[in-house]
Protein backbone atom coordinates (compact mmCIF):
# COMPACT_ATOMS: atom_id res chain seq x y z
CA MET A 1 -1.07 -74.10 50.75
CA ASP A 2 -3.36 -76.14 48.52
CA LEU A 3 -3.95 -74.20 45.30
CA GLY A 4 -6.59 -76.63 44.06
CA LEU A 5 -4.45 -77.93 41.20
CA LYS A 6 -4.53 -81.65 41.96
CA GLY A 7 -5.26 -83.58 38.77
CA LYS A 8 -5.25 -80.45 36.58
CA LEU A 9 -3.60 -80.80 33.18
CA VAL A 10 -0.87 -78.21 32.59
CA LEU A 11 1.33 -77.50 29.56
CA VAL A 12 4.49 -75.44 30.05
CA THR A 13 6.29 -74.54 26.83
CA GLY A 14 10.05 -74.12 26.89
CA SER A 15 10.31 -76.17 30.05
CA GLY A 16 13.48 -78.14 29.42
CA SER A 17 15.45 -75.82 31.68
CA GLY A 18 15.37 -72.54 33.58
CA ILE A 19 12.10 -70.92 34.63
CA GLY A 20 10.05 -73.36 32.57
CA LYS A 21 11.51 -76.44 34.22
CA ALA A 22 11.16 -74.90 37.68
CA THR A 23 7.54 -74.10 36.86
CA ALA A 24 6.83 -77.66 35.73
CA ALA A 25 8.38 -78.96 38.96
CA THR A 26 6.24 -76.62 41.06
CA TYR A 27 3.04 -77.73 39.33
CA LEU A 28 3.98 -81.34 40.02
CA GLN A 29 4.45 -80.49 43.69
CA GLU A 30 0.86 -79.20 43.64
CA GLY A 31 -0.37 -82.52 42.25
CA ALA A 32 -1.00 -81.37 38.69
CA ARG A 33 -0.38 -83.49 35.60
CA VAL A 34 2.31 -81.73 33.60
CA ILE A 35 3.36 -81.72 29.95
CA VAL A 36 6.86 -80.39 29.41
CA HIS A 37 8.18 -79.14 26.09
CA GLY A 38 11.57 -78.45 24.57
CA LEU A 39 13.21 -77.97 21.22
CA THR A 40 14.73 -81.47 20.98
CA ASP A 41 13.79 -85.00 21.98
CA GLU A 42 16.95 -85.21 24.10
CA GLU A 43 16.05 -82.11 26.07
CA VAL A 44 12.50 -83.31 26.70
CA SER A 45 13.57 -86.84 27.67
CA ALA A 46 16.11 -85.51 30.16
CA CYS A 47 13.53 -83.17 31.70
CA VAL A 48 10.91 -85.93 32.01
CA GLN A 49 13.47 -88.20 33.62
CA ASP A 50 14.50 -85.50 36.11
CA LEU A 51 10.91 -84.70 37.10
CA SER A 52 9.25 -88.11 36.90
CA ALA A 53 9.81 -88.88 40.58
CA SER A 54 7.72 -85.82 41.48
CA GLY A 55 4.53 -86.82 39.73
CA ASP A 56 2.68 -87.39 36.45
CA VAL A 57 4.85 -85.80 33.75
CA SER A 58 5.08 -86.36 30.01
CA GLY A 59 6.74 -84.43 27.24
CA LYS A 60 6.83 -83.49 23.59
CA SER A 61 9.51 -81.72 21.56
CA GLY A 62 8.98 -79.24 18.77
CA ASP A 63 9.95 -75.92 17.23
CA LEU A 64 7.08 -73.56 17.99
CA THR A 65 8.07 -71.24 15.17
CA ASN A 66 6.85 -74.07 12.97
CA SER A 67 3.05 -74.30 12.83
CA ASP A 68 3.17 -78.06 12.21
CA ASP A 69 5.25 -78.61 15.34
CA ALA A 70 2.98 -76.30 17.34
CA ASP A 71 -0.09 -78.21 16.12
CA ALA A 72 1.59 -81.51 17.03
CA LEU A 73 2.26 -80.30 20.57
CA CYS A 74 -1.35 -79.18 20.90
CA ALA A 75 -2.59 -82.53 19.63
CA PHE A 76 -0.32 -84.35 22.09
CA ALA A 77 -1.82 -82.36 24.97
CA GLN A 78 -5.39 -82.89 23.73
CA GLU A 79 -4.86 -86.65 23.72
CA LEU A 80 -4.25 -86.44 27.47
CA GLY A 81 -7.46 -84.55 28.18
CA GLU A 82 -8.80 -81.02 28.40
CA LEU A 83 -6.02 -78.55 29.12
CA ASP A 84 -6.61 -76.57 32.30
CA ILE A 85 -3.52 -74.35 32.29
CA LEU A 86 -1.23 -73.16 29.49
CA VAL A 87 2.04 -71.43 30.35
CA ASN A 88 3.56 -69.73 27.30
CA ASN A 89 7.15 -69.65 28.47
CA VAL A 90 9.18 -70.17 25.27
CA GLY A 91 11.57 -67.30 24.64
CA ILE A 92 15.09 -66.26 23.74
CA PHE A 93 17.32 -63.29 24.55
CA SER A 94 20.63 -61.85 23.41
CA VAL A 95 22.66 -58.69 23.72
CA LYS A 96 23.12 -56.91 20.40
CA PRO A 97 23.53 -53.24 19.39
CA PHE A 98 20.34 -51.75 17.95
CA GLU A 99 22.07 -50.66 14.74
CA ASP A 100 23.28 -54.21 14.12
CA LEU A 101 19.85 -55.79 14.37
CA THR A 102 18.67 -56.97 10.95
CA ASP A 103 15.11 -57.48 9.76
CA ASP A 104 15.70 -61.21 10.13
CA ASP A 105 16.76 -60.69 13.77
CA TRP A 106 13.56 -58.80 14.50
CA MET A 107 11.34 -61.33 12.78
CA ARG A 108 13.06 -64.26 14.53
CA TYR A 109 12.49 -62.70 17.93
CA PHE A 110 8.84 -61.99 17.24
CA ASP A 111 8.35 -65.48 15.85
CA ILE A 112 9.81 -67.16 18.93
CA ASN A 113 8.87 -64.79 21.75
CA VAL A 114 5.40 -63.71 20.59
CA MET A 115 4.04 -65.93 17.84
CA SER A 116 4.77 -69.14 19.76
CA ALA A 117 2.27 -67.93 22.37
CA VAL A 118 -0.19 -66.92 19.66
CA ARG A 119 -0.01 -70.35 18.02
CA MET A 120 -0.62 -72.21 21.28
CA SER A 121 -3.30 -69.86 22.60
CA ARG A 122 -5.17 -69.91 19.28
CA VAL A 123 -5.86 -73.59 19.91
CA PHE A 124 -6.46 -73.67 23.66
CA LEU A 125 -8.19 -70.36 24.41
CA PRO A 126 -11.33 -71.16 22.35
CA ALA A 127 -11.57 -74.58 24.00
CA MET A 128 -11.28 -72.98 27.45
CA LEU A 129 -13.93 -70.38 26.56
CA LYS A 130 -16.28 -73.13 25.38
CA ARG A 131 -15.90 -74.90 28.75
CA GLY A 132 -15.98 -71.64 30.68
CA THR A 133 -12.84 -72.43 32.64
CA GLY A 134 -9.09 -72.41 32.19
CA SER A 135 -6.00 -70.28 32.69
CA ILE A 136 -3.26 -68.95 30.42
CA VAL A 137 -0.05 -67.34 31.65
CA ASN A 138 2.20 -65.47 29.22
CA MET A 139 5.84 -64.85 30.04
CA ALA A 140 6.71 -61.18 29.66
CA SER A 141 9.55 -59.32 31.40
CA GLU A 142 10.36 -56.14 33.27
CA ALA A 143 12.03 -55.19 29.98
CA GLY A 144 8.54 -54.93 28.51
CA VAL A 145 7.89 -51.79 30.56
CA LYS A 146 11.52 -50.70 31.05
CA PRO A 147 13.16 -51.44 27.69
CA LEU A 148 16.82 -52.40 27.81
CA PRO A 149 19.06 -50.44 25.40
CA GLN A 150 21.34 -53.43 24.89
CA MET A 151 18.34 -55.66 24.13
CA VAL A 152 15.84 -53.47 22.31
CA HIS A 153 14.61 -56.36 20.14
CA TYR A 154 13.95 -58.57 23.17
CA SER A 155 12.30 -55.73 25.08
CA VAL A 156 9.86 -54.92 22.28
CA THR A 157 8.71 -58.53 22.06
CA LYS A 158 8.00 -58.53 25.79
CA THR A 159 5.97 -55.33 25.43
CA ALA A 160 4.00 -57.14 22.74
CA MET A 161 3.34 -59.99 25.17
CA LEU A 162 1.71 -57.53 27.57
CA GLY A 163 -0.61 -56.32 24.83
CA LEU A 164 -1.37 -59.86 23.73
CA THR A 165 -2.23 -60.84 27.29
CA ARG A 166 -4.66 -57.99 27.88
CA GLY A 167 -6.26 -58.44 24.46
CA MET A 168 -6.82 -62.15 25.07
CA ALA A 169 -8.17 -61.45 28.55
CA GLU A 170 -10.80 -59.12 27.10
CA LEU A 171 -12.18 -62.13 25.22
CA THR A 172 -12.86 -63.94 28.49
CA LYS A 173 -15.33 -61.47 30.03
CA GLY A 174 -18.08 -63.21 31.96
CA THR A 175 -16.39 -66.62 31.87
CA GLY A 176 -14.15 -68.46 34.30
CA VAL A 177 -11.18 -68.22 31.92
CA ARG A 178 -8.23 -66.02 32.90
CA VAL A 179 -5.22 -64.69 31.00
CA ASN A 180 -2.36 -63.05 32.88
CA SER A 181 1.28 -62.20 32.31
CA ILE A 182 4.33 -62.51 34.53
CA LEU A 183 7.18 -59.96 34.46
CA PRO A 184 10.37 -61.48 35.88
CA GLY A 185 13.46 -59.38 36.35
CA PRO A 186 16.98 -60.68 35.66
CA THR A 187 16.78 -64.38 36.57
CA TRP A 188 19.70 -66.73 37.14
CA THR A 189 18.88 -69.37 34.52
CA GLU A 190 21.34 -71.58 32.70
CA GLY A 191 21.36 -69.18 29.75
CA VAL A 192 22.09 -66.16 31.91
CA ALA A 193 24.80 -68.04 33.81
CA ALA A 194 26.48 -69.00 30.52
CA TYR A 195 26.37 -65.39 29.34
CA PHE A 196 28.00 -64.08 32.52
CA ASP A 197 30.57 -66.88 32.53
CA GLY A 198 31.58 -65.79 29.05
CA LEU A 199 31.66 -62.14 30.07
CA ALA A 200 33.86 -62.94 33.07
CA ALA A 201 36.27 -64.91 30.88
CA GLN A 202 36.34 -62.13 28.30
CA LYS A 203 37.15 -59.48 30.89
CA GLY A 204 39.43 -61.71 32.96
CA GLU A 205 37.53 -60.91 36.15
CA PRO A 206 35.87 -63.16 38.76
CA LEU A 207 32.25 -64.03 38.07
CA GLU A 208 31.21 -62.58 41.43
CA THR A 209 32.71 -59.21 40.49
CA ILE A 210 30.95 -59.15 37.13
CA VAL A 211 27.58 -59.98 38.71
CA ASP A 212 28.00 -57.42 41.51
CA ASN A 213 28.96 -54.70 39.03
CA TYR A 214 25.97 -55.58 36.84
CA PHE A 215 23.51 -54.49 39.50
CA LYS A 216 25.52 -51.39 40.32
CA SER A 217 25.84 -50.25 36.72
CA ASP A 218 23.02 -51.86 34.72
CA GLU A 219 20.24 -52.34 37.28
CA PRO A 220 20.86 -49.73 40.03
CA THR A 221 17.13 -49.42 40.77
CA SER A 222 16.88 -53.09 41.81
CA LEU A 223 15.76 -53.20 45.42
CA ILE A 224 16.96 -56.75 46.05
CA GLN A 225 20.30 -56.19 44.24
CA ARG A 226 20.54 -59.80 43.14
CA PHE A 227 19.26 -62.15 40.49
CA VAL A 228 15.81 -63.66 40.90
CA GLN A 229 15.88 -67.46 41.18
CA PRO A 230 13.83 -69.61 38.76
CA ASP A 231 11.85 -71.23 41.57
CA GLU A 232 10.79 -67.78 42.82
CA VAL A 233 9.29 -67.00 39.41
CA ALA A 234 7.78 -70.48 39.21
CA ARG A 235 5.88 -70.07 42.45
CA MET A 236 4.32 -66.83 41.20
CA ILE A 237 3.34 -68.40 37.87
CA VAL A 238 1.65 -71.32 39.58
CA THR A 239 -0.13 -69.15 42.12
CA ILE A 240 -1.42 -66.65 39.55
CA SER A 241 -2.59 -69.42 37.23
CA ALA A 242 -4.66 -70.84 40.08
CA SER A 243 -6.19 -67.52 41.10
CA THR A 244 -9.80 -67.23 40.00
CA ALA A 245 -9.89 -63.43 40.48
CA SER A 246 -6.76 -62.32 38.61
CA ASN A 247 -7.43 -61.65 34.93
CA GLY A 248 -5.78 -59.38 32.36
CA ALA A 249 -3.08 -58.40 34.83
CA ALA A 250 0.70 -58.03 34.57
CA HIS A 251 2.32 -59.45 37.71
CA ARG A 252 5.82 -58.22 38.48
CA ILE A 253 8.53 -60.28 40.13
CA GLU A 254 11.53 -58.16 39.14
CA GLY A 255 13.06 -57.25 42.47
CA GLY A 256 11.78 -53.67 42.42
CA ILE A 257 13.70 -52.61 39.30
CA VAL A 258 10.67 -50.79 37.88
CA ARG A 259 10.22 -47.65 39.97
CA SER A 260 6.44 -47.54 39.97
CA ILE A 261 3.70 -48.08 42.54
CA LEU A 262 1.61 -49.99 39.96
C-alpha cells in the first residue's frame, strides 16, 4: 500500500536500534528520506551503513537531554529541507523498586523520556503549523495507562507523553498538522533481550522459560501472549504518521494487555 510518503523528510530520534531503527527502515521502504539519530557517532554510522541500501538515509548523533545537542540535530534536519514527519522515539527503561528511586532518577527519566520530545517538537511544531502540514508521533507505552509497579518511574513518564501529545494536538486545530502517540506493549528489542538474558543467567533457567513465565505472571491479560516485534510497531508508527484524519489519538499496539474497549 502506498502511504504517500515518497520524498517526505522524516526524523526518527533514538533510531540506532530497536523500534527506532525498524521505523527508519520502514519509512525508507515507503520511499521517504530518513534522518536517523543515536547517542554516539559510532551508533549512527553503523545504522546509516545498515540502512543505506534501502534508500536516502543520513544521520546525526547527540544527547537530547542537552539543549545544544538537540538544537544541533534540529539544524542538521533543517539543512536537508522542511521536516514532514518527526518521530519522538528516544527513551530508556529499567526495573527498580519505587522506594529506591531517587530524585535524580526521576529527573533523568523525565529529561530523557519526556523533555527530549519537548525540545524537538518546540522547534518543528511551529514550522509545521506555519506551513499547515506535518506529522508528529510521540512514543508512549501501555505502561502509560497501566502503570507497572516494578517501573513506576518509566510508567509515569509515558503517561506524561500521552498528555503532551494531546496538548500539542490541540494547537493544530484547523490545520493539516497532526500529533499522535503510539502505545507499544512489551517489545523484543535489543535492550529487552539483554535484560531477559541477564535474568535467565541470574536464575539459572532457560531463556524460553523466563519469557514464558513473564507473560503468565507479569502480563496475564496479554491476548497474544508474546512479545511484540519492533517491525510490528514500526508499521503502525509509519501508517499513523501518514494518516490525515488521525489527530490527538493514542494508538495501542500492546497485544491486548490493556483490558479496555477504547
